[in-house]
Amino acid sequence: TIPSINGFVGRDDYLKSLRVSYRQ
């Protein structure tokens, strides 16, 4: 039930931080 997201741009620093933490 998680909606898809369209038209998303930027927020690269936040996403990078989230990805690193998730991998850890």
PDB file of all heavy atoms in Angstrom:
ATOM      1  N   THR A   1       0.811  -1.228   0.000  1.00  0.00           N
ATOM      2  CA  THR A   1       0.000   0.000   0.000  1.00  0.00           C
ATOM      3  C   THR A   1       0.844   1.278   0.000  1.00  0.00           C
ATOM      4  O   THR A   1       0.297   2.365   0.143  1.00  0.00           O
ATOM      5  CB  THR A   1      -0.936   0.016   1.222  1.00  0.00           C
ATOM      6  OG1 THR A   1      -0.161  -0.062   2.431  1.00  0.00           O
ATOM      7  CG2 THR A   1      -1.906  -1.153   1.183  1.00  0.00           C
ATOM      8  N   ILE A   2       2.158   1.143  -0.146  1.00  0.00           N
ATOM      9  CA  ILE A   2       3.007   2.340  -0.193  1.00  0.00           C
ATOM     10  C   ILE A   2       2.848   2.990  -1.569  1.00  0.00           C
ATOM     11  O   ILE A   2       3.114   2.357  -2.589  1.00  0.00           O
ATOM     12  CB  ILE A   2       4.476   2.002   0.074  1.00  0.00           C
ATOM     13  CG1 ILE A   2       4.625   1.426   1.482  1.00  0.00           C
ATOM     14  CG2 ILE A   2       5.351   3.241  -0.090  1.00  0.00           C
ATOM     15  CD1 ILE A   2       6.046   1.012   1.840  1.00  0.00           C
ATOM     16  N   PRO A   3       2.402   4.253  -1.628  1.00  0.00           N
ATOM     17  CA  PRO A   3       2.186   4.900  -2.937  1.00  0.00           C
ATOM     18  C   PRO A   3       3.494   5.076  -3.704  1.00  0.00           C
ATOM     19  O   PRO A   3       4.572   5.208  -3.109  1.00  0.00           O
ATOM     20  CB  PRO A   3       1.603   6.273  -2.556  1.00  0.00           C
ATOM     21  CG  PRO A   3       1.208   6.170  -1.122  1.00  0.00           C
ATOM     22  CD  PRO A   3       2.089   5.151  -0.502  1.00  0.00           C
ATOM     23  N   SER A   4       3.380   5.073  -5.016  1.00  0.00           N
ATOM     24  CA  SER A   4       4.544   5.379  -5.848  1.00  0.00           C
ATOM     25  C   SER A   4       4.753   6.889  -5.852  1.00  0.00           C
ATOM     26  O   SER A   4       3.822   7.660  -5.606  1.00  0.00           O
ATOM     27  CB  SER A   4       4.348   4.858  -7.268  1.00  0.00           C
ATOM     28  OG  SER A   4       3.183   5.434  -7.833  1.00  0.00           O
ATOM     29  N   ILE A   5       5.975   7.314  -6.126  1.00  0.00           N
ATOM     30  CA  ILE A   5       6.296   8.740  -6.124  1.00  0.00           C
ATOM     31  C   ILE A   5       6.766   9.136  -7.520  1.00  0.00           C
ATOM     32  O   ILE A   5       7.670   8.517  -8.092  1.00  0.00           O
ATOM     33  CB  ILE A   5       7.373   9.071  -5.063  1.00  0.00           C
ATOM     34  CG1 ILE A   5       7.770  10.534  -5.087  1.00  0.00           C
ATOM     35  CG2 ILE A   5       8.583   8.172  -5.193  1.00  0.00           C
ATOM     36  CD1 ILE A   5       6.746  11.452  -4.486  1.00  0.00           C
ATOM     37  N   ASN A   6       6.126  10.139  -8.086  1.00  0.00           N
ATOM     38  CA  ASN A   6       6.482  10.632  -9.420  1.00  0.00           C
ATOM     39  C   ASN A   6       7.033  12.045  -9.325  1.00  0.00           C
ATOM     40  O   ASN A   6       6.680  12.808  -8.436  1.00  0.00           O
ATOM     41  CB  ASN A   6       5.256  10.619 -10.338  1.00  0.00           C
ATOM     42  CG  ASN A   6       4.707   9.226 -10.540  1.00  0.00           C
ATOM     43  OD1 ASN A   6       5.464   8.293 -10.782  1.00  0.00           O
ATOM     44  ND2 ASN A   6       3.397   9.079 -10.438  1.00  0.00           N
ATOM     45  N   GLY A   7       7.883  12.398 -10.248  1.00  0.00           N
ATOM     46  CA  GLY A   7       8.389  13.763 -10.313  1.00  0.00           C
ATOM     47  C   GLY A   7       9.336  14.120  -9.182  1.00  0.00           C
ATOM     48  O   GLY A   7       9.460  15.299  -8.838  1.00  0.00           O
ATOM     49  N   PHE A   8       9.997  13.126  -8.614  1.00  0.00           N
ATOM     50  CA  PHE A   8      10.912  13.408  -7.509  1.00  0.00           C
ATOM     51  C   PHE A   8      12.274  13.811  -8.067  1.00  0.00           C
ATOM     52  O   PHE A   8      12.826  13.145  -8.941  1.00  0.00           O
ATOM     53  CB  PHE A   8      11.066  12.170  -6.625  1.00  0.00           C
ATOM     54  CG  PHE A   8      11.900  12.408  -5.397  1.00  0.00           C
ATOM     55  CD1 PHE A   8      11.307  12.784  -4.201  1.00  0.00           C
ATOM     56  CD2 PHE A   8      13.278  12.275  -5.440  1.00  0.00           C
ATOM     57  CE1 PHE A   8      12.070  13.012  -3.065  1.00  0.00           C
ATOM     58  CE2 PHE A   8      14.054  12.494  -4.312  1.00  0.00           C
ATOM     59  CZ  PHE A   8      13.445  12.872  -3.122  1.00  0.00           C
ATOM     60  N   VAL A   9      12.818  14.908  -7.543  1.00  0.00           N
ATOM     61  CA  VAL A   9      14.156  15.343  -7.956  1.00  0.00           C
ATOM     62  C   VAL A   9      14.923  15.814  -6.722  1.00  0.00           C
ATOM     63  O   VAL A   9      14.340  16.182  -5.699  1.00  0.00           O
ATOM     64  CB  VAL A   9      14.110  16.500  -8.983  1.00  0.00           C
ATOM     65  CG1 VAL A   9      13.411  16.063 -10.260  1.00  0.00           C
ATOM     66  CG2 VAL A   9      13.424  17.729  -8.395  1.00  0.00           C
ATOM     67  N   GLY A  10      16.245  15.811  -6.842  1.00  0.00           N
ATOM     68  CA  GLY A  10      17.092  16.354  -5.775  1.00  0.00           C
ATOM     69  C   GLY A  10      17.121  15.501  -4.518  1.00  0.00           C
ATOM     70  O   GLY A  10      16.907  14.300  -4.551  1.00  0.00           O
ATOM     71  N   ARG A  11      17.420  16.175  -3.400  1.00  0.00           N
ATOM     72  CA  ARG A  11      17.532  15.528  -2.092  1.00  0.00           C
ATOM     73  C   ARG A  11      18.628  14.476  -2.074  1.00  0.00           C
ATOM     74  O   ARG A  11      18.578  13.483  -1.340  1.00  0.00           O
ATOM     75  CB  ARG A  11      16.210  14.886  -1.668  1.00  0.00           C
ATOM     76  CG  ARG A  11      14.997  15.806  -1.695  1.00  0.00           C
ATOM     77  CD  ARG A  11      15.274  17.132  -1.042  1.00  0.00           C
ATOM     78  NE  ARG A  11      14.176  17.601  -0.204  1.00  0.00           N
ATOM     79  CZ  ARG A  11      14.236  18.701   0.530  1.00  0.00           C
ATOM     80  NH1 ARG A  11      15.335  19.441   0.520  1.00  0.00           N
ATOM     81  NH2 ARG A  11      13.226  19.065   1.296  1.00  0.00           N
ATOM     82  N   ASP A  12      19.644  14.665  -2.906  1.00  0.00           N
ATOM     83  CA  ASP A  12      20.691  13.661  -3.071  1.00  0.00           C
ATOM     84  C   ASP A  12      21.459  13.394  -1.780  1.00  0.00           C
ATOM     85  O   ASP A  12      21.788  12.240  -1.473  1.00  0.00           O
ATOM     86  CB  ASP A  12      21.666  14.093  -4.178  1.00  0.00           C
ATOM     87  CG  ASP A  12      20.981  14.212  -5.531  1.00  0.00           C
ATOM     88  OD1 ASP A  12      20.019  13.446  -5.768  1.00  0.00           O
ATOM     89  OD2 ASP A  12      21.389  15.054  -6.340  1.00  0.00           O
ATOM     90  N   ASP A  13      21.765  14.448  -1.017  1.00  0.00           N
ATOM     91  CA  ASP A  13      22.517  14.267   0.225  1.00  0.00           C
ATOM     92  C   ASP A  13      21.718  13.450   1.237  1.00  0.00           C
ATOM     93  O   ASP A  13      22.262  12.579   1.922  1.00  0.00           O
ATOM     94  CB  ASP A  13      22.893  15.620   0.830  1.00  0.00           C
ATOM     95  CG  ASP A  13      23.949  16.351   0.011  1.00  0.00           C
ATOM     96  OD1 ASP A  13      24.611  15.681  -0.816  1.00  0.00           O
ATOM     97  OD2 ASP A  13      24.099  17.570   0.187  1.00  0.00           O
ATOM     98  N   TYR A  14      20.423  13.747   1.348  1.00  0.00           N
ATOM     99  CA  TYR A  14      19.581  12.984   2.273  1.00  0.00           C
ATOM    100  C   TYR A  14      19.510  11.517   1.859  1.00  0.00           C
ATOM    101  O   TYR A  14      19.631  10.608   2.684  1.00  0.00           O
ATOM    102  CB  TYR A  14      18.166  13.568   2.312  1.00  0.00           C
ATOM    103  CG  TYR A  14      18.070  14.940   2.911  1.00  0.00           C
ATOM    104  CD1 TYR A  14      17.358  15.949   2.267  1.00  0.00           C
ATOM    105  CD2 TYR A  14      18.674  15.249   4.135  1.00  0.00           C
ATOM    106  CE1 TYR A  14      17.248  17.216   2.814  1.00  0.00           C
ATOM    107  CE2 TYR A  14      18.569  16.518   4.686  1.00  0.00           C
ATOM    108  CZ  TYR A  14      17.857  17.499   4.022  1.00  0.00           C
ATOM    109  OH  TYR A  14      17.748  18.759   4.566  1.00  0.00           O
ATOM    110  N   LEU A  15      19.289  11.276   0.575  1.00  0.00           N
ATOM    111  CA  LEU A  15      19.180   9.903   0.085  1.00  0.00           C
ATOM    112  C   LEU A  15      20.487   9.137   0.283  1.00  0.00           C
ATOM    113  O   LEU A  15      20.475   7.966   0.670  1.00  0.00           O
ATOM    114  CB  LEU A  15      18.788   9.891  -1.397  1.00  0.00           C
ATOM    115  CG  LEU A  15      17.321  10.225  -1.690  1.00  0.00           C
ATOM    116  CD1 LEU A  15      17.112  10.456  -3.178  1.00  0.00           C
ATOM    117  CD2 LEU A  15      16.405   9.110  -1.195  1.00  0.00           C
ATOM    118  N   LYS A  16      21.584   9.815   0.051  1.00  0.00           N
ATOM    119  CA  LYS A  16      22.883   9.163   0.254  1.00  0.00           C
ATOM    120  C   LYS A  16      23.050   8.749   1.715  1.00  0.00           C
ATOM    121  O   LYS A  16      23.488   7.629   2.015  1.00  0.00           O
ATOM    122  CB  LYS A  16      24.015  10.110  -0.156  1.00  0.00           C
ATOM    123  CG  LYS A  16      25.403   9.498   0.006  1.00  0.00           C
ATOM    124  CD  LYS A  16      26.484  10.465  -0.450  1.00  0.00           C
ATOM    125  CE  LYS A  16      27.869   9.848  -0.258  1.00  0.00           C
ATOM    126  NZ  LYS A  16      28.946  10.796  -0.689  1.00  0.00           N
ATOM    127  N   SER A  17      22.698   9.640   2.623  1.00  0.00           N
ATOM    128  CA  SER A  17      22.802   9.343   4.049  1.00  0.00           C
ATOM    129  C   SER A  17      21.902   8.169   4.440  1.00  0.00           C
ATOM    130  O   SER A  17      22.295   7.274   5.202  1.00  0.00           O
ATOM    131  CB  SER A  17      22.433  10.585   4.861  1.00  0.00           C
ATOM    132  OG  SER A  17      22.476  10.317   6.252  1.00  0.00           O
ATOM    133  N   LEU A  18      20.675   8.165   3.926  1.00  0.00           N
ATOM    134  CA  LEU A  18      19.741   7.077   4.216  1.00  0.00           C
ATOM    135  C   LEU A  18      20.251   5.751   3.659  1.00  0.00           C
ATOM    136  O   LEU A  18      20.178   4.703   4.331  1.00  0.00           O
ATOM    137  CB  LEU A  18      18.366   7.395   3.622  1.00  0.00           C
ATOM    138  CG  LEU A  18      17.591   8.533   4.300  1.00  0.00           C
ATOM    139  CD1 LEU A  18      16.440   8.997   3.408  1.00  0.00           C
ATOM    140  CD2 LEU A  18      17.057   8.091   5.659  1.00  0.00           C
ATOM    141  N   ARG A  19      20.776   5.773   2.441  1.00  0.00           N
ATOM    142  CA  ARG A  19      21.291   4.545   1.824  1.00  0.00           C
ATOM    143  C   ARG A  19      22.452   3.966   2.622  1.00  0.00           C
ATOM    144  O   ARG A  19      22.522   2.754   2.857  1.00  0.00           O
ATOM    145  CB  ARG A  19      21.747   4.836   0.389  1.00  0.00           C
ATOM    146  CG  ARG A  19      20.634   5.141  -0.589  1.00  0.00           C
ATOM    147  CD  ARG A  19      21.217   5.653  -1.883  1.00  0.00           C
ATOM    148  NE  ARG A  19      20.210   6.191  -2.781  1.00  0.00           N
ATOM    149  CZ  ARG A  19      20.397   7.263  -3.550  1.00  0.00           C
ATOM    150  NH1 ARG A  19      21.558   7.918  -3.513  1.00  0.00           N
ATOM    151  NH2 ARG A  19      19.439   7.685  -4.343  1.00  0.00           N
ATOM    152  N   VAL A  20      23.366   4.833   3.033  1.00  0.00           N
ATOM    153  CA  VAL A  20      24.532   4.371   3.797  1.00  0.00           C
ATOM    154  C   VAL A  20      24.084   3.729   5.109  1.00  0.00           C
ATOM    155  O   VAL A  20      24.545   2.644   5.476  1.00  0.00           O
ATOM    156  CB  VAL A  20      25.503   5.536   4.071  1.00  0.00           C
ATOM    157  CG1 VAL A  20      26.569   5.124   5.087  1.00  0.00           C
ATOM    158  CG2 VAL A  20      26.175   5.988   2.775  1.00  0.00           C
ATOM    159  N   SER A  21      23.189   4.393   5.814  1.00  0.00           N
ATOM    160  CA  SER A  21      22.698   3.857   7.085  1.00  0.00           C
ATOM    161  C   SER A  21      21.977   2.524   6.880  1.00  0.00           C
ATOM    162  O   SER A  21      22.138   1.593   7.680  1.00  0.00           O
ATOM    163  CB  SER A  21      21.751   4.858   7.763  1.00  0.00           C
ATOM    164  OG  SER A  21      22.443   6.026   8.141  1.00  0.00           O
ATOM    165  N   TYR A  22      21.205   2.437   5.811  1.00  0.00           N
ATOM    166  CA  TYR A  22      20.490   1.193   5.525  1.00  0.00           C
ATOM    167  C   TYR A  22      21.473   0.060   5.252  1.00  0.00           C
ATOM    168  O   TYR A  22      21.308  -1.056   5.776  1.00  0.00           O
ATOM    169  CB  TYR A  22      19.560   1.397   4.334  1.00  0.00           C
ATOM    170  CG  TYR A  22      18.751   0.171   3.981  1.00  0.00           C
ATOM    171  CD1 TYR A  22      17.639  -0.194   4.738  1.00  0.00           C
ATOM    172  CD2 TYR A  22      19.094  -0.628   2.882  1.00  0.00           C
ATOM    173  CE1 TYR A  22      16.888  -1.322   4.417  1.00  0.00           C
ATOM    174  CE2 TYR A  22      18.347  -1.754   2.557  1.00  0.00           C
ATOM    175  CZ  TYR A  22      17.256  -2.094   3.330  1.00  0.00           C
ATOM    176  OH  TYR A  22      16.534  -3.220   3.017  1.00  0.00           O
ATOM    177  N   ARG A  23      22.495   0.337   4.458  1.00  0.00           N
ATOM    178  CA  ARG A  23      23.504  -0.687   4.159  1.00  0.00           C
ATOM    179  C   ARG A  23      24.248  -1.120   5.420  1.00  0.00           C
ATOM    180  O   ARG A  23      24.715  -2.262   5.524  1.00  0.00           O
ATOM    181  CB  ARG A  23      24.497  -0.171   3.113  1.00  0.00           C
ATOM    182  CG  ARG A  23      23.930  -0.121   1.701  1.00  0.00           C
ATOM    183  CD  ARG A  23      25.019  -0.002   0.669  1.00  0.00           C
ATOM    184  NE  ARG A  23      25.765   1.240   0.799  1.00  0.00           N
ATOM    185  CZ  ARG A  23      25.466   2.362   0.143  1.00  0.00           C
ATOM    186  NH1 ARG A  23      24.425   2.400  -0.670  1.00  0.00           N
ATOM    187  NH2 ARG A  23      26.199   3.445   0.312  1.00  0.00           N
ATOM    188  N   GLN A  24      24.358  -0.218   6.381  1.00  0.00           N
ATOM    189  CA  GLN A  24      25.037  -0.528   7.630  1.00  0.00           C
ATOM    190  C   GLN A  24      24.133  -1.244   8.638  1.00  0.00           C
ATOM    191  O   GLN A  24      24.576  -1.575   9.735  1.00  0.00           O
ATOM    192  CB  GLN A  24      25.591   0.758   8.250  1.00  0.00           C
ATOM    193  CG  GLN A  24      26.726   1.378   7.442  1.00  0.00           C
ATOM    194  CD  GLN A  24      27.165   2.730   7.980  1.00  0.00           C
ATOM    195  OE1 GLN A  24      26.454   3.370   8.761  1.00  0.00           O
ATOM    196  NE2 GLN A  24      28.343   3.175   7.559  1.00  0.00           N
TER     197      GLN A  24
END
